[in-house]
Amino acid sequence: MALFFIRHTAGFFVQIYPCMLLCCLPFEEEDYRWGRRKTTAALTAGFAAASLLFGILMTVLLFCDLRTSQVAIANLYMAGAAALGAVFFYTAIRAESASVAALRQEPD
């Protein structure tokens, strides 16, 4: 049972954490609302907590006799965690697209 929990917790984290790190790479320090370190630390802590909850959820579902598929529940959980991470990420980044920046510049 402990290996089942560890496998699902680590599996969730390994699937979602590299994507989060790659999302943080293209932005400069001044593009972050709270700074790169604080934003990355908050996302890391959030996804680590989500990974632990995922491991607990999968372990509980192992012993429950549910008609619902564990795979469907796992997919919904992962999609929800990714959506919440995206909302936080878009809130934490102040960068604007080049077209918006061009519109804001005063004409010469």
PDB file of N, CA and C in Angstrom:
ATOM      1  N   MET A   1       0.821  -1.192   0.000  1.00  0.00           N
ATOM      2  CA  MET A   1       0.000   0.000   0.000  1.00  0.00           C
ATOM      3  C   MET A   1       0.870   1.263   0.000  1.00  0.00           C
ATOM      4  N   ALA A   2       1.968   1.237   0.740  1.00  0.00           N
ATOM      5  CA  ALA A   2       2.846   2.408   0.778  1.00  0.00           C
ATOM      6  C   ALA A   2       3.483   2.650  -0.587  1.00  0.00           C
ATOM      7  N   LEU A   3       3.862   1.572  -1.268  1.00  0.00           N
ATOM      8  CA  LEU A   3       4.442   1.733  -2.600  1.00  0.00           C
ATOM      9  C   LEU A   3       3.412   2.258  -3.596  1.00  0.00           C
ATOM     10  N   PHE A   4       2.165   1.849  -3.442  1.00  0.00           N
ATOM     11  CA  PHE A   4       1.085   2.355  -4.298  1.00  0.00           C
ATOM     12  C   PHE A   4       0.939   3.862  -4.109  1.00  0.00           C
ATOM     13  N   PHE A   5       0.939   4.303  -2.853  1.00  0.00           N
ATOM     14  CA  PHE A   5       0.833   5.732  -2.544  1.00  0.00           C
ATOM     15  C   PHE A   5       2.022   6.509  -3.106  1.00  0.00           C
ATOM     16  N   ILE A   6       3.226   6.001  -2.887  1.00  0.00           N
ATOM     17  CA  ILE A   6       4.432   6.683  -3.363  1.00  0.00           C
ATOM     18  C   ILE A   6       4.454   6.742  -4.885  1.00  0.00           C
ATOM     19  N   ARG A   7       4.064   5.652  -5.530  1.00  0.00           N
ATOM     20  CA  ARG A   7       4.068   5.621  -6.995  1.00  0.00           C
ATOM     21  C   ARG A   7       3.114   6.655  -7.582  1.00  0.00           C
ATOM     22  N   HIS A   8       1.925   6.773  -7.022  1.00  0.00           N
ATOM     23  CA  HIS A   8       0.956   7.733  -7.551  1.00  0.00           C
ATOM     24  C   HIS A   8       1.325   9.172  -7.196  1.00  0.00           C
ATOM     25  N   THR A   9       1.842   9.381  -6.000  1.00  0.00           N
ATOM     26  CA  THR A   9       2.265  10.730  -5.605  1.00  0.00           C
ATOM     27  C   THR A   9       3.423  11.203  -6.480  1.00  0.00           C
ATOM     28  N   ALA A  10       4.431  10.372  -6.612  1.00  0.00           N
ATOM     29  CA  ALA A  10       5.591  10.740  -7.436  1.00  0.00           C
ATOM     30  C   ALA A  10       5.215  10.841  -8.909  1.00  0.00           C
ATOM     31  N   GLY A  11       4.345   9.964  -9.373  1.00  0.00           N
ATOM     32  CA  GLY A  11       3.928  10.000 -10.770  1.00  0.00           C
ATOM     33  C   GLY A  11       3.209  11.283 -11.124  1.00  0.00           C
ATOM     34  N   PHE A  12       2.321  11.727 -10.244  1.00  0.00           N
ATOM     35  CA  PHE A  12       1.611  12.988 -10.481  1.00  0.00           C
ATOM     36  C   PHE A  12       2.593  14.148 -10.524  1.00  0.00           C
ATOM     37  N   PHE A  13       3.508  14.183  -9.563  1.00  0.00           N
ATOM     38  CA  PHE A  13       4.468  15.290  -9.483  1.00  0.00           C
ATOM     39  C   PHE A  13       5.399  15.306 -10.693  1.00  0.00           C
ATOM     40  N   VAL A  14       5.863  14.140 -11.114  1.00  0.00           N
ATOM     41  CA  VAL A  14       6.782  14.056 -12.249  1.00  0.00           C
ATOM     42  C   VAL A  14       6.086  14.459 -13.551  1.00  0.00           C
ATOM     43  N   GLN A  15       4.794  14.229 -13.650  1.00  0.00           N
ATOM     44  CA  GLN A  15       4.075  14.604 -14.863  1.00  0.00           C
ATOM     45  C   GLN A  15       3.794  16.096 -14.933  1.00  0.00           C
ATOM     46  N   ILE A  16       3.536  16.732 -13.803  1.00  0.00           N
ATOM     47  CA  ILE A  16       3.070  18.117 -13.850  1.00  0.00           C
ATOM     48  C   ILE A  16       4.166  19.134 -13.549  1.00  0.00           C
ATOM     49  N   TYR A  17       5.154  18.790 -12.746  1.00  0.00           N
ATOM     50  CA  TYR A  17       6.171  19.757 -12.331  1.00  0.00           C
ATOM     51  C   TYR A  17       7.071  20.237 -13.478  1.00  0.00           C
ATOM     52  N   PRO A  18       7.574  19.365 -14.343  1.00  0.00           N
ATOM     53  CA  PRO A  18       8.406  19.873 -15.445  1.00  0.00           C
ATOM     54  C   PRO A  18       7.654  20.833 -16.367  1.00  0.00           C
ATOM     55  N   CYS A  19       6.382  20.581 -16.586  1.00  0.00           N
ATOM     56  CA  CYS A  19       5.581  21.499 -17.417  1.00  0.00           C
ATOM     57  C   CYS A  19       5.499  22.866 -16.760  1.00  0.00           C
ATOM     58  N   MET A  20       5.330  22.892 -15.447  1.00  0.00           N
ATOM     59  CA  MET A  20       5.259  24.162 -14.736  1.00  0.00           C
ATOM     60  C   MET A  20       6.590  24.906 -14.831  1.00  0.00           C
ATOM     61  N   LEU A  21       7.692  24.187 -14.703  1.00  0.00           N
ATOM     62  CA  LEU A  21       9.000  24.838 -14.812  1.00  0.00           C
ATOM     63  C   LEU A  21       9.232  25.393 -16.214  1.00  0.00           C
ATOM     64  N   LEU A  22       8.816  24.658 -17.225  1.00  0.00           N
ATOM     65  CA  LEU A  22       8.970  25.144 -18.594  1.00  0.00           C
ATOM     66  C   LEU A  22       8.110  26.375 -18.857  1.00  0.00           C
ATOM     67  N   CYS A  23       6.975  26.475 -18.201  1.00  0.00           N
ATOM     68  CA  CYS A  23       6.130  27.665 -18.354  1.00  0.00           C
ATOM     69  C   CYS A  23       6.793  28.897 -17.745  1.00  0.00           C
ATOM     70  N   CYS A  24       7.609  28.718 -16.731  1.00  0.00           N
ATOM     71  CA  CYS A  24       8.250  29.852 -16.059  1.00  0.00           C
ATOM     72  C   CYS A  24       9.498  30.352 -16.779  1.00  0.00           C
ATOM     73  N   LEU A  25      10.062  29.567 -17.672  1.00  0.00           N
ATOM     74  CA  LEU A  25      11.335  29.932 -18.296  1.00  0.00           C
ATOM     75  C   LEU A  25      11.303  31.175 -19.185  1.00  0.00           C
ATOM     76  N   PRO A  26      10.307  31.389 -20.032  1.00  0.00           N
ATOM     77  CA  PRO A  26      10.449  32.467 -21.021  1.00  0.00           C
ATOM     78  C   PRO A  26      10.278  33.881 -20.482  1.00  0.00           C
ATOM     79  N   PHE A  27       9.976  34.042 -19.220  1.00  0.00           N
ATOM     80  CA  PHE A  27       9.683  35.365 -18.686  1.00  0.00           C
ATOM     81  C   PHE A  27      10.872  35.929 -17.921  1.00  0.00           C
ATOM     82  N   GLU A  28      11.026  37.234 -17.992  1.00  0.00           N
ATOM     83  CA  GLU A  28      12.068  37.938 -17.252  1.00  0.00           C
ATOM     84  C   GLU A  28      11.599  38.173 -15.819  1.00  0.00           C
ATOM     85  N   GLU A  29      12.515  38.558 -14.954  1.00  0.00           N
ATOM     86  CA  GLU A  29      12.192  38.783 -13.537  1.00  0.00           C
ATOM     87  C   GLU A  29      11.116  39.852 -13.368  1.00  0.00           C
ATOM     88  N   GLU A  30      11.165  40.901 -14.174  1.00  0.00           N
ATOM     89  CA  GLU A  30      10.193  41.994 -14.016  1.00  0.00           C
ATOM     90  C   GLU A  30       8.801  41.625 -14.529  1.00  0.00           C
ATOM     91  N   ASP A  31       8.671  40.507 -15.235  1.00  0.00           N
ATOM     92  CA  ASP A  31       7.359  40.069 -15.715  1.00  0.00           C
ATOM     93  C   ASP A  31       6.525  39.409 -14.621  1.00  0.00           C
ATOM     94  N   TYR A  32       7.164  39.020 -13.536  1.00  0.00           N
ATOM     95  CA  TYR A  32       6.459  38.333 -12.453  1.00  0.00           C
ATOM     96  C   TYR A  32       5.876  39.349 -11.482  1.00  0.00           C
ATOM     97  N   ARG A  33       4.672  39.103 -11.064  1.00  0.00           N
ATOM     98  CA  ARG A  33       4.008  39.989 -10.110  1.00  0.00           C
ATOM     99  C   ARG A  33       4.681  39.918  -8.739  1.00  0.00           C
ATOM    100  N   TRP A  34       5.075  38.722  -8.308  1.00  0.00           N
ATOM    101  CA  TRP A  34       5.678  38.546  -6.982  1.00  0.00           C
ATOM    102  C   TRP A  34       7.131  38.099  -7.062  1.00  0.00           C
ATOM    103  N   GLY A  35       7.735  38.129  -8.211  1.00  0.00           N
ATOM    104  CA  GLY A  35       9.108  37.667  -8.376  1.00  0.00           C
ATOM    105  C   GLY A  35       9.144  36.206  -8.805  1.00  0.00           C
ATOM    106  N   ARG A  36      10.212  35.844  -9.485  1.00  0.00           N
ATOM    107  CA  ARG A  36      10.324  34.483 -10.024  1.00  0.00           C
ATOM    108  C   ARG A  36      10.440  33.445  -8.915  1.00  0.00           C
ATOM    109  N   ARG A  37      11.248  33.726  -7.901  1.00  0.00           N
ATOM    110  CA  ARG A  37      11.439  32.738  -6.827  1.00  0.00           C
ATOM    111  C   ARG A  37      10.156  32.481  -6.050  1.00  0.00           C
ATOM    112  N   LYS A  38       9.449  33.543  -5.688  1.00  0.00           N
ATOM    113  CA  LYS A  38       8.218  33.358  -4.918  1.00  0.00           C
ATOM    114  C   LYS A  38       7.150  32.650  -5.744  1.00  0.00           C
ATOM    115  N   THR A  39       7.043  33.003  -7.012  1.00  0.00           N
ATOM    116  CA  THR A  39       6.055  32.361  -7.877  1.00  0.00           C
ATOM    117  C   THR A  39       6.381  30.887  -8.069  1.00  0.00           C
ATOM    118  N   THR A  40       7.646  30.585  -8.340  1.00  0.00           N
ATOM    119  CA  THR A  40       8.053  29.195  -8.520  1.00  0.00           C
ATOM    120  C   THR A  40       7.897  28.408  -7.224  1.00  0.00           C
ATOM    121  N   ALA A  41       8.228  29.020  -6.096  1.00  0.00           N
ATOM    122  CA  ALA A  41       8.070  28.342  -4.802  1.00  0.00           C
ATOM    123  C   ALA A  41       6.599  28.070  -4.505  1.00  0.00           C
ATOM    124  N   ALA A  42       5.731  29.032  -4.796  1.00  0.00           N
ATOM    125  CA  ALA A  42       4.300  28.835  -4.555  1.00  0.00           C
ATOM    126  C   ALA A  42       3.741  27.734  -5.452  1.00  0.00           C
ATOM    127  N   LEU A  43       4.128  27.732  -6.721  1.00  0.00           N
ATOM    128  CA  LEU A  43       3.665  26.672  -7.623  1.00  0.00           C
ATOM    129  C   LEU A  43       4.222  25.310  -7.218  1.00  0.00           C
ATOM    130  N   THR A  44       5.475  25.267  -6.787  1.00  0.00           N
ATOM    131  CA  THR A  44       6.068  24.008  -6.337  1.00  0.00           C
ATOM    132  C   THR A  44       5.340  23.476  -5.107  1.00  0.00           C
ATOM    133  N   ALA A  45       5.091  24.343  -4.138  1.00  0.00           N
ATOM    134  CA  ALA A  45       4.377  23.917  -2.928  1.00  0.00           C
ATOM    135  C   ALA A  45       2.956  23.474  -3.262  1.00  0.00           C
ATOM    136  N   GLY A  46       2.301  24.215  -4.136  1.00  0.00           N
ATOM    137  CA  GLY A  46       0.934  23.854  -4.518  1.00  0.00           C
ATOM    138  C   GLY A  46       0.866  22.513  -5.222  1.00  0.00           C
ATOM    139  N   PHE A  47       1.781  22.286  -6.162  1.00  0.00           N
ATOM    140  CA  PHE A  47       1.768  21.012  -6.877  1.00  0.00           C
ATOM    141  C   PHE A  47       2.274  19.865  -6.007  1.00  0.00           C
ATOM    142  N   ALA A  48       3.144  20.135  -5.041  1.00  0.00           N
ATOM    143  CA  ALA A  48       3.555  19.088  -4.100  1.00  0.00           C
ATOM    144  C   ALA A  48       2.370  18.679  -3.225  1.00  0.00           C
ATOM    145  N   ALA A  49       1.593  19.664  -2.763  1.00  0.00           N
ATOM    146  CA  ALA A  49       0.394  19.355  -1.977  1.00  0.00           C
ATOM    147  C   ALA A  49      -0.630  18.612  -2.827  1.00  0.00           C
ATOM    148  N   ALA A  50      -0.805  19.040  -4.075  1.00  0.00           N
ATOM    149  CA  ALA A  50      -1.738  18.352  -4.968  1.00  0.00           C
ATOM    150  C   ALA A  50      -1.282  16.921  -5.234  1.00  0.00           C
ATOM    151  N   SER A  51       0.022  16.703  -5.296  1.00  0.00           N
ATOM    152  CA  SER A  51       0.555  15.353  -5.498  1.00  0.00           C
ATOM    153  C   SER A  51       0.256  14.462  -4.300  1.00  0.00           C
ATOM    154  N   LEU A  52       0.429  15.008  -3.099  1.00  0.00           N
ATOM    155  CA  LEU A  52       0.108  14.233  -1.895  1.00  0.00           C
ATOM    156  C   LEU A  52      -1.379  13.903  -1.835  1.00  0.00           C
ATOM    157  N   LEU A  53      -2.213  14.873  -2.152  1.00  0.00           N
ATOM    158  CA  LEU A  53      -3.658  14.617  -2.165  1.00  0.00           C
ATOM    159  C   LEU A  53      -4.033  13.584  -3.224  1.00  0.00           C
ATOM    160  N   PHE A  54      -3.348  13.620  -4.358  1.00  0.00           N
ATOM    161  CA  PHE A  54      -3.609  12.638  -5.404  1.00  0.00           C
ATOM    162  C   PHE A  54      -3.244  11.234  -4.928  1.00  0.00           C
ATOM    163  N   GLY A  55      -2.104  11.099  -4.265  1.00  0.00           N
ATOM    164  CA  GLY A  55      -1.715   9.799  -3.729  1.00  0.00           C
ATOM    165  C   GLY A  55      -2.711   9.277  -2.707  1.00  0.00           C
ATOM    166  N   ILE A  56      -3.193  10.173  -1.841  1.00  0.00           N
ATOM    167  CA  ILE A  56      -4.205   9.781  -0.850  1.00  0.00           C
ATOM    168  C   ILE A  56      -5.494   9.370  -1.540  1.00  0.00           C
ATOM    169  N   LEU A  57      -5.927  10.160  -2.523  1.00  0.00           N
ATOM    170  CA  LEU A  57      -7.163   9.855  -3.248  1.00  0.00           C
ATOM    171  C   LEU A  57      -7.086   8.502  -3.939  1.00  0.00           C
ATOM    172  N   MET A  58      -5.989   8.229  -4.610  1.00  0.00           N
ATOM    173  CA  MET A  58      -5.855   6.954  -5.317  1.00  0.00           C
ATOM    174  C   MET A  58      -5.778   5.775  -4.343  1.00  0.00           C
ATOM    175  N   THR A  59      -5.144   5.985  -3.193  1.00  0.00           N
ATOM    176  CA  THR A  59      -5.071   4.921  -2.195  1.00  0.00           C
ATOM    177  C   THR A  59      -6.445   4.637  -1.604  1.00  0.00           C
ATOM    178  N   VAL A  60      -7.217   5.682  -1.337  1.00  0.00           N
ATOM    179  CA  VAL A  60      -8.579   5.493  -0.822  1.00  0.00           C
ATOM    180  C   VAL A  60      -9.446   4.803  -1.864  1.00  0.00           C
ATOM    181  N   LEU A  61      -9.325   5.216  -3.118  1.00  0.00           N
ATOM    182  CA  LEU A  61     -10.126   4.601  -4.180  1.00  0.00           C
ATOM    183  C   LEU A  61      -9.768   3.139  -4.403  1.00  0.00           C
ATOM    184  N   LEU A  62      -8.544   2.761  -4.064  1.00  0.00           N
ATOM    185  CA  LEU A  62      -8.130   1.372  -4.200  1.00  0.00           C
ATOM    186  C   LEU A  62      -8.969   0.464  -3.306  1.00  0.00           C
ATOM    187  N   PHE A  63      -9.325   0.975  -2.119  1.00  0.00           N
ATOM    188  CA  PHE A  63     -10.058   0.158  -1.159  1.00  0.00           C
ATOM    189  C   PHE A  63     -11.566   0.370  -1.209  1.00  0.00           C
ATOM    190  N   CYS A  64     -12.021   1.359  -1.944  1.00  0.00           N
ATOM    191  CA  CYS A  64     -13.460   1.595  -2.093  1.00  0.00           C
ATOM    192  C   CYS A  64     -13.977   0.795  -3.277  1.00  0.00           C
ATOM    193  N   ASP A  65     -15.199   0.329  -3.136  1.00  0.00           N
ATOM    194  CA  ASP A  65     -15.823  -0.394  -4.241  1.00  0.00           C
ATOM    195  C   ASP A  65     -16.728   0.582  -4.988  1.00  0.00           C
ATOM    196  N   LEU A  66     -16.127   1.332  -5.894  1.00  0.00           N
ATOM    197  CA  LEU A  66     -16.875   2.326  -6.661  1.00  0.00           C
ATOM    198  C   LEU A  66     -17.122   1.819  -8.071  1.00  0.00           C
ATOM    199  N   ARG A  67     -18.219   2.233  -8.626  1.00  0.00           N
ATOM    200  CA  ARG A  67     -18.501   1.889 -10.018  1.00  0.00           C
ATOM    201  C   ARG A  67     -17.736   2.807 -10.972  1.00  0.00           C
ATOM    202  N   THR A  68     -17.306   3.929 -10.459  1.00  0.00           N
ATOM    203  CA  THR A  68     -16.572   4.884 -11.279  1.00  0.00           C
ATOM    204  C   THR A  68     -15.142   4.394 -11.478  1.00  0.00           C
ATOM    205  N   SER A  69     -14.640   4.602 -12.641  1.00  0.00           N
ATOM    206  CA  SER A  69     -13.280   4.178 -12.965  1.00  0.00           C
ATOM    207  C   SER A  69     -12.253   5.052 -12.247  1.00  0.00           C
ATOM    208  N   GLN A  70     -11.215   4.419 -11.728  1.00  0.00           N
ATOM    209  CA  GLN A  70     -10.127   5.173 -11.103  1.00  0.00           C
ATOM    210  C   GLN A  70      -9.411   6.049 -12.121  1.00  0.00           C
ATOM    211  N   VAL A  71      -9.338   5.580 -13.338  1.00  0.00           N
ATOM    212  CA  VAL A  71      -8.661   6.350 -14.383  1.00  0.00           C
ATOM    213  C   VAL A  71      -9.424   7.639 -14.669  1.00  0.00           C
ATOM    214  N   ALA A  72     -10.744   7.567 -14.716  1.00  0.00           N
ATOM    215  CA  ALA A  72     -11.551   8.767 -14.966  1.00  0.00           C
ATOM    216  C   ALA A  72     -11.386   9.777 -13.834  1.00  0.00           C
ATOM    217  N   ILE A  73     -11.388   9.298 -12.607  1.00  0.00           N
ATOM    218  CA  ILE A  73     -11.212  10.193 -11.459  1.00  0.00           C
ATOM    219  C   ILE A  73      -9.813  10.805 -11.481  1.00  0.00           C
ATOM    220  N   ALA A  74      -8.809  10.003 -11.795  1.00  0.00           N
ATOM    221  CA  ALA A  74      -7.437  10.516 -11.866  1.00  0.00           C
ATOM    222  C   ALA A  74      -7.303  11.576 -12.955  1.00  0.00           C
ATOM    223  N   ASN A  75      -7.920  11.338 -14.105  1.00  0.00           N
ATOM    224  CA  ASN A  75      -7.859  12.317 -15.194  1.00  0.00           C
ATOM    225  C   ASN A  75      -8.557  13.615 -14.818  1.00  0.00           C
ATOM    226  N   LEU A  76      -9.711  13.524 -14.172  1.00  0.00           N
ATOM    227  CA  LEU A  76     -10.424  14.732 -13.737  1.00  0.00           C
ATOM    228  C   LEU A  76      -9.613  15.501 -12.699  1.00  0.00           C
ATOM    229  N   TYR A  77      -9.000  14.791 -11.776  1.00  0.00           N
ATOM    230  CA  TYR A  77      -8.185  15.441 -10.750  1.00  0.00           C
ATOM    231  C   TYR A  77      -6.997  16.158 -11.382  1.00  0.00           C
ATOM    232  N   MET A  78      -6.321  15.483 -12.308  1.00  0.00           N
ATOM    233  CA  MET A  78      -5.156  16.095 -12.943  1.00  0.00           C
ATOM    234  C   MET A  78      -5.559  17.310 -13.773  1.00  0.00           C
ATOM    235  N   ALA A  79      -6.667  17.220 -14.479  1.00  0.00           N
ATOM    236  CA  ALA A  79      -7.139  18.365 -15.265  1.00  0.00           C
ATOM    237  C   ALA A  79      -7.492  19.536 -14.356  1.00  0.00           C
ATOM    238  N   GLY A  80      -8.131  19.249 -13.227  1.00  0.00           N
ATOM    239  CA  GLY A  80      -8.473  20.310 -12.278  1.00  0.00           C
ATOM    240  C   GLY A  80      -7.237  20.963 -11.679  1.00  0.00           C
ATOM    241  N   ALA A  81      -6.250  20.151 -11.328  1.00  0.00           N
ATOM    242  CA  ALA A  81      -5.007  20.703 -10.767  1.00  0.00           C
ATOM    243  C   ALA A  81      -4.267  21.540 -11.802  1.00  0.00           C
ATOM    244  N   ALA A  82      -4.237  21.076 -13.034  1.00  0.00           N
ATOM    245  CA  ALA A  82      -3.576  21.845 -14.096  1.00  0.00           C
ATOM    246  C   ALA A  82      -4.317  23.154 -14.358  1.00  0.00           C
ATOM    247  N   ALA A  83      -5.643  23.115 -14.314  1.00  0.00           N
ATOM    248  CA  ALA A  83      -6.430  24.336 -14.529  1.00  0.00           C
ATOM    249  C   ALA A  83      -6.195  25.344 -13.406  1.00  0.00           C
ATOM    250  N   LEU A  84      -6.175  24.878 -12.160  1.00  0.00           N
ATOM    251  CA  LEU A  84      -5.899  25.785 -11.040  1.00  0.00           C
ATOM    252  C   LEU A  84      -4.483  26.350 -11.123  1.00  0.00           C
ATOM    253  N   GLY A  85      -3.530  25.526 -11.511  1.00  0.00           N
ATOM    254  CA  GLY A  85      -2.164  26.010 -11.693  1.00  0.00           C
ATOM    255  C   GLY A  85      -2.071  27.051 -12.801  1.00  0.00           C
ATOM    256  N   ALA A  86      -2.819  26.844 -13.880  1.00  0.00           N
ATOM    257  CA  ALA A  86      -2.819  27.814 -14.980  1.00  0.00           C
ATOM    258  C   ALA A  86      -3.435  29.139 -14.550  1.00  0.00           C
ATOM    259  N   VAL A  87      -4.520  29.074 -13.779  1.00  0.00           N
ATOM    260  CA  VAL A  87      -5.148  30.308 -13.285  1.00  0.00           C
ATOM    261  C   VAL A  87      -4.172  31.067 -12.388  1.00  0.00           C
ATOM    262  N   PHE A  88      -3.504  30.359 -11.486  1.00  0.00           N
ATOM    263  CA  PHE A  88      -2.515  31.011 -10.627  1.00  0.00           C
ATOM    264  C   PHE A  88      -1.376  31.592 -11.454  1.00  0.00           C
ATOM    265  N   PHE A  89      -0.915  30.832 -12.444  1.00  0.00           N
ATOM    266  CA  PHE A  89       0.201  31.277 -13.272  1.00  0.00           C
ATOM    267  C   PHE A  89      -0.166  32.535 -14.053  1.00  0.00           C
ATOM    268  N   TYR A  90      -1.349  32.563 -14.644  1.00  0.00           N
ATOM    269  CA  TYR A  90      -1.761  33.750 -15.401  1.00  0.00           C
ATOM    270  C   TYR A  90      -1.985  34.946 -14.491  1.00  0.00           C
ATOM    271  N   THR A  91      -2.316  34.691 -13.245  1.00  0.00           N
ATOM    272  CA  THR A  91      -2.437  35.775 -12.274  1.00  0.00           C
ATOM    273  C   THR A  91      -1.056  36.292 -11.869  1.00  0.00           C
ATOM    274  N   ALA A  92      -0.082  35.403 -11.819  1.00  0.00           N
ATOM    275  CA  ALA A  92       1.254  35.764 -11.337  1.00  0.00           C
ATOM    276  C   ALA A  92       2.119  36.443 -12.394  1.00  0.00           C
ATOM    277  N   ILE A  93       1.765  36.315 -13.650  1.00  0.00           N
ATOM    278  CA  ILE A  93       2.566  36.894 -14.735  1.00  0.00           C
ATOM    279  C   ILE A  93       1.921  38.185 -15.216  1.00  0.00           C
ATOM    280  N   ARG A  94       2.726  39.227 -15.333  1.00  0.00           N
ATOM    281  CA  ARG A  94       2.236  40.520 -15.807  1.00  0.00           C
ATOM    282  C   ARG A  94       2.647  40.799 -17.243  1.00  0.00           C
ATOM    283  N   ALA A  95       3.230  39.860 -17.903  1.00  0.00           N
ATOM    284  CA  ALA A  95       3.727  40.086 -19.262  1.00  0.00           C
ATOM    285  C   ALA A  95       2.560  40.319 -20.210  1.00  0.00           C
ATOM    286  N   GLU A  96       2.803  41.116 -21.219  1.00  0.00           N
ATOM    287  CA  GLU A  96       1.776  41.362 -22.220  1.00  0.00           C
ATOM    288  C   GLU A  96       2.333  41.004 -23.588  1.00  0.00           C
ATOM    289  N   SER A  97       1.429  40.732 -24.497  1.00  0.00           N
ATOM    290  CA  SER A  97       1.866  40.339 -25.832  1.00  0.00           C
ATOM    291  C   SER A  97       2.466  41.531 -26.570  1.00  0.00           C
ATOM    292  N   ALA A  98       3.202  41.239 -27.616  1.00  0.00           N
ATOM    293  CA  ALA A  98       3.854  42.302 -28.386  1.00  0.00           C
ATOM    294  C   ALA A  98       2.835  43.223 -29.040  1.00  0.00           C
ATOM    295  N   SER A  99       1.692  42.675 -29.458  1.00  0.00           N
ATOM    296  CA  SER A  99       0.679  43.512 -30.101  1.00  0.00           C
ATOM    297  C   SER A  99       0.056  44.486 -29.109  1.00  0.00           C
ATOM    298  N   VAL A 100      -0.169  44.046 -27.881  1.00  0.00           N
ATOM    299  CA  VAL A 100      -0.718  44.941 -26.860  1.00  0.00           C
ATOM    300  C   VAL A 100       0.312  45.997 -26.492  1.00  0.00           C
ATOM    301  N   ALA A 101       1.570  45.606 -26.387  1.00  0.00           N
ATOM    302  CA  ALA A 101       2.630  46.565 -26.067  1.00  0.00           C
ATOM    303  C   ALA A 101       2.764  47.610 -27.173  1.00  0.00           C
ATOM    304  N   ALA A 102       2.617  47.192 -28.429  1.00  0.00           N
ATOM    305  CA  ALA A 102       2.710  48.137 -29.541  1.00  0.00           C
ATOM    306  C   ALA A 102       1.555  49.128 -29.519  1.00  0.00           C
ATOM    307  N   LEU A 103       0.378  48.680 -29.126  1.00  0.00           N
ATOM    308  CA  LEU A 103      -0.777  49.573 -29.047  1.00  0.00           C
ATOM    309  C   LEU A 103      -0.623  50.600 -27.933  1.00  0.00           C
ATOM    310  N   ARG A 104       0.067  50.226 -26.869  1.00  0.00           N
ATOM    311  CA  ARG A 104       0.220  51.134 -25.728  1.00  0.00           C
ATOM    312  C   ARG A 104       1.304  52.179 -25.940  1.00  0.00           C
ATOM    313  N   GLN A 105       2.191  51.943 -26.872  1.00  0.00           N
ATOM    314  CA  GLN A 105       3.259  52.912 -27.119  1.00  0.00           C
ATOM    315  C   GLN A 105       2.680  54.151 -27.796  1.00  0.00           C
ATOM    316  N   GLU A 106       3.220  55.260 -27.409  1.00  0.00           N
ATOM    317  CA  GLU A 106       2.768  56.514 -28.013  1.00  0.00           C
ATOM    318  C   GLU A 106       3.330  56.637 -29.421  1.00  0.00           C
ATOM    319  N   PRO A 107       2.551  57.198 -30.333  1.00  0.00           N
ATOM    320  CA  PRO A 107       3.069  57.381 -31.698  1.00  0.00           C
ATOM    321  C   PRO A 107       4.185  58.420 -31.713  1.00  0.00           C
ATOM    322  N   ASP A 108       5.145  58.207 -32.575  1.00  0.00           N
ATOM    323  CA  ASP A 108       6.286  59.135 -32.664  1.00  0.00           C
ATOM    324  C   ASP A 108       5.953  60.376 -33.436  1.00  0.00           C
TER     325      ASP A 108
END
